[in-house]
């Protein structure tokens, strides 16, 4: 996959990179990145010599049929790790367990602290569970990463990607070993997450929004639904008004005396 997918991405899009020297040549480390596009999980590993393991929903790996098997093979090849979201606490606990296992093998673990893609290109509040708990449980350094312009390559709803140069800025590793053993303290988890998000903000230059991206997506969806319903109601009211006007005109025509 490094040769095929990674090589093709670098050849076609020519991503620029800053801070590669901050990624260790060996040993465990967490790559904590902003999340602008589906392609983030491909561009970042493409520019690194080491394998990066990200988490992905299990549906990508267990869909039946030929297409399902090809999809599963592709995601495994590019370093995606299936996470079953059906448990009592969903993907959170599964992601934490998977991340710890990857780091205990001395590998690189990639994670998006926002928990989902940004709906509008801004940087949203990091979720304190996954990133901080994995970092404190393992003692692995956290390397902040900023993906630049990846959302412009293939915006939502677009099938064909736009050929342009995305960027990747990699910051200096952050050491949180001073908090080890405190992975169940919610104030510590919040502090660790906020520190990482601040570094990502400095690297990316994004506007920061102090709310979760999932909450913003709900607001956007609710606003779109309300707008759709309002439009439907307006069209119904217009149709009713036209119907009533036609009835009035017809009644007036019947009452008009014959010439």
Protein backbone atom coordinates (compact mmCIF):
# COMPACT_ATOMS: atom_id res chain seq x y z
CA UNK A 1 0.00 0.00 0.00
CA UNK A 2 2.92 2.36 0.62
CA UNK A 3 4.04 1.78 -2.96
CA UNK A 4 0.63 1.67 -4.66
CA UNK A 5 -1.76 3.96 -2.77
CA UNK A 6 0.89 6.08 -1.06
CA UNK A 7 3.01 6.44 -4.17
CA UNK A 8 0.01 7.34 -6.32
CA UNK A 9 -1.18 9.98 -3.86
CA UNK A 10 2.22 11.61 -3.65
CA UNK A 11 2.64 11.56 -7.42
CA UNK A 12 -0.82 12.95 -8.21
CA UNK A 13 -1.29 15.47 -5.39
CA UNK A 14 2.31 16.27 -4.36
CA UNK A 15 1.50 17.00 -0.68
CA UNK A 16 3.93 19.31 1.10
CA UNK A 17 5.14 18.37 4.57
CA UNK A 18 6.71 20.25 7.47
CA UNK A 19 8.10 18.71 10.65
CA UNK A 20 8.79 15.13 9.55
CA UNK A 21 11.74 15.12 11.93
CA UNK A 22 9.31 15.12 14.86
CA UNK A 23 8.07 11.60 14.05
CA UNK A 24 10.37 9.06 15.77
CA UNK A 25 12.07 6.47 13.60
CA UNK A 26 10.99 3.76 16.04
CA UNK A 27 8.96 3.27 19.18
CA UNK A 28 5.35 4.12 20.06
CA UNK A 29 3.82 7.53 19.41
CA UNK A 30 0.34 9.00 18.97
CA UNK A 31 -0.39 11.17 15.94
CA UNK A 32 -3.26 13.48 16.95
CA UNK A 33 -4.65 15.29 13.91
CA UNK A 34 -7.42 17.64 12.93
CA UNK A 35 -9.95 15.99 10.63
CA UNK A 36 -11.06 17.76 7.46
CA UNK A 37 -11.56 14.96 4.96
CA UNK A 38 -11.97 11.23 4.47
CA UNK A 39 -8.58 11.36 2.73
CA UNK A 40 -6.70 12.49 5.87
CA UNK A 41 -6.12 8.86 6.85
CA UNK A 42 -4.40 8.27 3.51
CA UNK A 43 -2.33 11.42 3.00
CA UNK A 44 -0.67 11.32 6.43
CA UNK A 45 0.56 7.70 6.21
CA UNK A 46 1.62 8.31 2.60
CA UNK A 47 4.28 10.84 3.64
CA UNK A 48 5.68 8.75 6.51
CA UNK A 49 8.12 5.86 6.30
CA UNK A 50 6.42 4.06 9.18
CA UNK A 51 3.01 2.42 9.26
CA UNK A 52 0.24 4.39 10.99
CA UNK A 53 -2.79 2.56 12.37
CA UNK A 54 -6.09 4.42 12.50
CA UNK A 55 -9.43 3.14 13.74
CA UNK A 56 -12.42 2.69 11.44
CA UNK A 57 -15.97 1.44 11.92
CA UNK A 58 -16.29 -2.33 11.68
CA UNK A 59 -18.88 -2.04 8.90
CA UNK A 60 -16.03 -1.33 6.48
CA UNK A 61 -14.63 -4.80 7.21
CA UNK A 62 -17.66 -7.10 7.43
CA UNK A 63 -19.84 -6.02 4.51
CA UNK A 64 -20.76 -9.14 2.49
CA UNK A 65 -20.10 -9.66 -1.20
CA UNK A 66 -17.19 -9.01 -3.53
CA UNK A 67 -17.32 -5.25 -3.00
CA UNK A 68 -17.30 -5.78 0.76
CA UNK A 69 -14.25 -8.04 0.60
CA UNK A 70 -12.39 -5.57 -1.61
CA UNK A 71 -13.26 -2.71 0.74
CA UNK A 72 -12.06 -4.70 3.75
CA UNK A 73 -8.79 -5.60 2.01
CA UNK A 74 -8.22 -1.95 1.09
CA UNK A 75 -8.78 -0.61 4.61
CA UNK A 76 -6.59 -3.29 6.14
CA UNK A 77 -3.89 -2.47 3.62
CA UNK A 78 -3.84 1.22 4.46
CA UNK A 79 -3.60 0.56 8.18
CA UNK A 80 -7.21 0.91 9.31
CA UNK A 81 -8.28 -1.07 12.38
CA UNK A 82 -11.90 -2.25 12.73
CA UNK A 83 -13.76 -1.11 15.84
CA UNK A 84 -17.08 -2.67 16.80
CA UNK A 85 -19.44 0.14 17.86
CA UNK A 86 -22.20 -2.16 19.11
CA UNK A 87 -20.95 -2.43 22.69
CA UNK A 88 -22.57 -0.75 25.66
CA UNK A 89 -20.23 2.24 25.48
CA UNK A 90 -19.85 2.17 21.72
CA UNK A 91 -16.70 2.97 19.84
CA UNK A 92 -15.04 4.85 22.72
CA UNK A 93 -13.88 1.90 24.81
CA UNK A 94 -13.08 -0.17 21.74
CA UNK A 95 -10.93 2.64 20.32
CA UNK A 96 -9.06 3.07 23.59
CA UNK A 97 -8.32 -0.65 23.84
CA UNK A 98 -7.22 -0.79 20.19
CA UNK A 99 -4.98 2.24 20.57
CA UNK A 100 -3.26 0.83 23.64
CA UNK A 101 -2.61 -2.47 21.83
CA UNK A 102 -1.06 -0.68 18.84
CA UNK A 103 1.23 1.40 21.06
CA UNK A 104 2.27 -1.57 23.18
CA UNK A 105 3.57 -3.13 19.95
CA UNK A 106 5.80 -0.07 19.53
CA UNK A 107 3.87 1.31 16.56
CA UNK A 108 2.28 4.62 15.54
CA UNK A 109 -1.37 5.20 16.41
CA UNK A 110 -3.38 7.85 14.56
CA UNK A 111 -6.41 9.50 16.15
CA UNK A 112 -8.72 12.43 15.49
CA UNK A 113 -9.51 14.11 18.85
CA UNK A 114 -12.54 15.91 17.36
CA UNK A 115 -14.15 12.49 16.90
CA UNK A 116 -15.53 13.27 13.44
CA UNK A 117 -14.79 15.39 10.40
CA UNK A 118 -15.20 19.12 10.73
CA UNK A 119 -18.49 20.18 9.11
CA UNK A 120 -17.18 23.57 8.00
CA UNK A 121 -13.37 23.59 8.06
CA UNK A 122 -13.08 25.01 11.58
CA UNK A 123 -11.37 23.24 14.48
CA UNK A 124 -13.74 21.88 17.13
CA UNK A 125 -13.35 20.92 20.76
CA UNK A 126 -11.49 17.67 21.32
CA UNK A 127 -13.23 14.79 23.02
CA UNK A 128 -11.39 13.99 26.27
CA UNK A 129 -11.88 10.22 26.34
CA UNK A 130 -9.87 8.46 23.66
CA UNK A 131 -6.73 10.51 23.07
CA UNK A 132 -5.95 11.43 26.66
CA UNK A 133 -6.72 8.03 28.12
CA UNK A 134 -4.55 6.22 25.57
CA UNK A 135 -1.70 8.68 26.11
CA UNK A 136 -1.81 8.41 29.91
CA UNK A 137 -2.24 4.63 29.91
CA UNK A 138 0.79 4.06 27.68
CA UNK A 139 3.05 7.05 28.32
CA UNK A 140 3.47 7.44 24.56
CA UNK A 141 4.28 10.95 23.29
CA UNK A 142 1.50 12.82 21.49
CA UNK A 143 2.52 14.42 18.19
CA UNK A 144 0.10 17.15 17.02
CA UNK A 145 -0.62 17.14 13.28
CA UNK A 146 -2.42 19.66 11.08
CA UNK A 147 -3.91 18.63 7.76
CA UNK A 148 -4.15 21.60 5.40
CA UNK A 149 -6.71 21.98 2.56
CA UNK A 150 -7.62 18.28 2.35
CA UNK A 151 -11.31 19.20 2.53
CA UNK A 152 -10.95 21.13 -0.73
CA UNK A 153 -9.77 18.07 -2.66
CA UNK A 154 -13.02 16.15 -2.37
CA UNK A 155 -15.83 18.12 -0.69
CA UNK A 156 -18.89 16.18 0.51
CA UNK A 157 -21.05 15.10 -2.42
CA UNK A 158 -18.24 15.32 -4.96
CA UNK A 159 -17.21 12.09 -6.69
CA UNK A 160 -14.12 13.24 -8.58
CA UNK A 161 -11.29 14.70 -6.48
CA UNK A 162 -9.73 18.03 -7.37
CA UNK A 163 -6.02 17.89 -8.14
CA UNK A 164 -4.34 20.31 -5.74
CA UNK A 165 -1.56 20.24 -3.16
CA UNK A 166 -2.65 19.53 0.41
CA UNK A 167 -0.31 20.22 3.28
CA UNK A 168 0.72 18.45 6.47
CA UNK A 169 2.35 20.19 9.44
CA UNK A 170 3.75 18.01 12.20
CA UNK A 171 4.50 19.56 15.57
CA UNK A 172 6.91 18.70 18.36
CA UNK A 173 5.99 15.70 20.56
CA UNK A 174 4.09 16.48 23.75
CA UNK A 175 5.01 14.58 26.93
CA UNK A 176 2.20 13.82 29.36
CA UNK A 177 3.98 11.26 31.54
CA UNK A 178 3.56 13.65 34.48
CA UNK A 179 -0.11 12.66 34.47
CA UNK A 180 0.36 8.88 34.24
CA UNK A 181 -1.97 6.95 36.52
CA UNK A 182 -4.54 9.75 36.35
CA UNK A 183 -6.37 8.55 33.25
CA UNK A 184 -9.66 8.40 35.15
CA UNK A 185 -9.50 12.02 36.36
CA UNK A 186 -11.83 13.94 34.06
CA UNK A 187 -10.12 17.27 34.77
CA UNK A 188 -6.75 15.84 33.77
CA UNK A 189 -8.26 14.29 30.62
CA UNK A 190 -9.75 17.66 29.70
CA UNK A 191 -6.47 19.48 30.31
CA UNK A 192 -4.46 17.02 28.20
CA UNK A 193 -6.96 17.17 25.34
CA UNK A 194 -7.13 20.97 25.38
CA UNK A 195 -3.35 21.25 25.29
CA UNK A 196 -3.19 19.01 22.22
CA UNK A 197 -6.00 20.91 20.49
CA UNK A 198 -4.22 24.21 21.15
CA UNK A 199 -1.09 22.91 19.44
CA UNK A 200 -3.14 21.64 16.47
CA UNK A 201 -4.80 25.06 16.22
CA UNK A 202 -1.41 26.79 16.09
CA UNK A 203 -0.21 24.41 13.38
CA UNK A 204 -3.36 24.56 11.25
CA UNK A 205 -4.33 28.21 11.64
CA UNK A 206 -7.97 27.14 11.92
CA UNK A 207 -10.62 29.10 13.77
CA UNK A 208 -11.38 27.28 17.02
CA UNK A 209 -14.95 26.53 18.07
CA UNK A 210 -15.51 25.60 21.71
CA UNK A 211 -18.12 22.94 21.05
CA UNK A 212 -18.07 19.39 19.76
CA UNK A 213 -18.22 18.84 16.00
CA UNK A 214 -20.94 16.24 16.51
CA UNK A 215 -23.11 18.88 18.21
CA UNK A 216 -22.53 21.30 15.34
CA UNK A 217 -23.46 18.62 12.83
CA UNK A 218 -26.70 18.05 14.71
CA UNK A 219 -27.43 21.76 14.63
CA UNK A 220 -26.75 21.89 10.89
CA UNK A 221 -28.95 18.86 10.26
CA UNK A 222 -31.77 20.27 12.41
CA UNK A 223 -31.53 23.65 10.67
CA UNK A 224 -31.63 21.96 7.25
CA UNK A 225 -34.64 19.90 8.35
CA UNK A 226 -36.42 22.98 9.70
CA UNK A 227 -35.68 24.87 6.48
CA UNK A 228 -37.01 21.98 4.41
CA UNK A 229 -40.17 21.76 6.50
CA UNK A 230 -40.64 25.53 6.33
CA UNK A 231 -40.28 25.42 2.56
CA UNK A 232 -42.78 22.57 2.36
CA UNK A 233 -45.25 24.50 4.55
CA UNK A 234 -44.77 27.65 2.45
CA UNK A 235 -45.44 25.73 -0.76
CA UNK A 236 -48.55 24.15 0.76
CA UNK A 237 -49.80 27.55 1.92
CA UNK A 238 -49.19 29.02 -1.53
CA UNK A 239 -51.02 26.14 -3.19
CA UNK A 240 -53.94 26.56 -0.79
CA UNK A 241 -54.05 30.31 -1.44
CA UNK A 242 -54.05 29.75 -5.19
CA UNK A 243 -56.81 27.18 -4.80
CA UNK A 244 -58.93 29.58 -2.75
CA UNK A 245 -58.33 32.42 -5.22
CA UNK A 246 -59.36 30.20 -8.10
CA UNK A 247 -62.53 29.25 -6.23
CA UNK A 248 -63.35 32.91 -5.59
CA UNK A 249 -62.83 33.79 -9.23
CA UNK A 250 -65.03 30.91 -10.30
CA UNK A 251 -67.77 31.97 -7.87
CA UNK A 252 -67.57 35.54 -9.09
CA UNK A 253 -67.89 34.34 -12.68
CA UNK A 254 -71.09 32.46 -11.85
CA UNK A 255 -72.62 35.48 -10.11
CA UNK A 256 -71.84 37.89 -12.93
CA UNK A 257 -75.07 38.80 -14.86
CA UNK A 258 -75.32 37.63 -18.43
CA UNK A 259 -74.83 40.30 -21.10
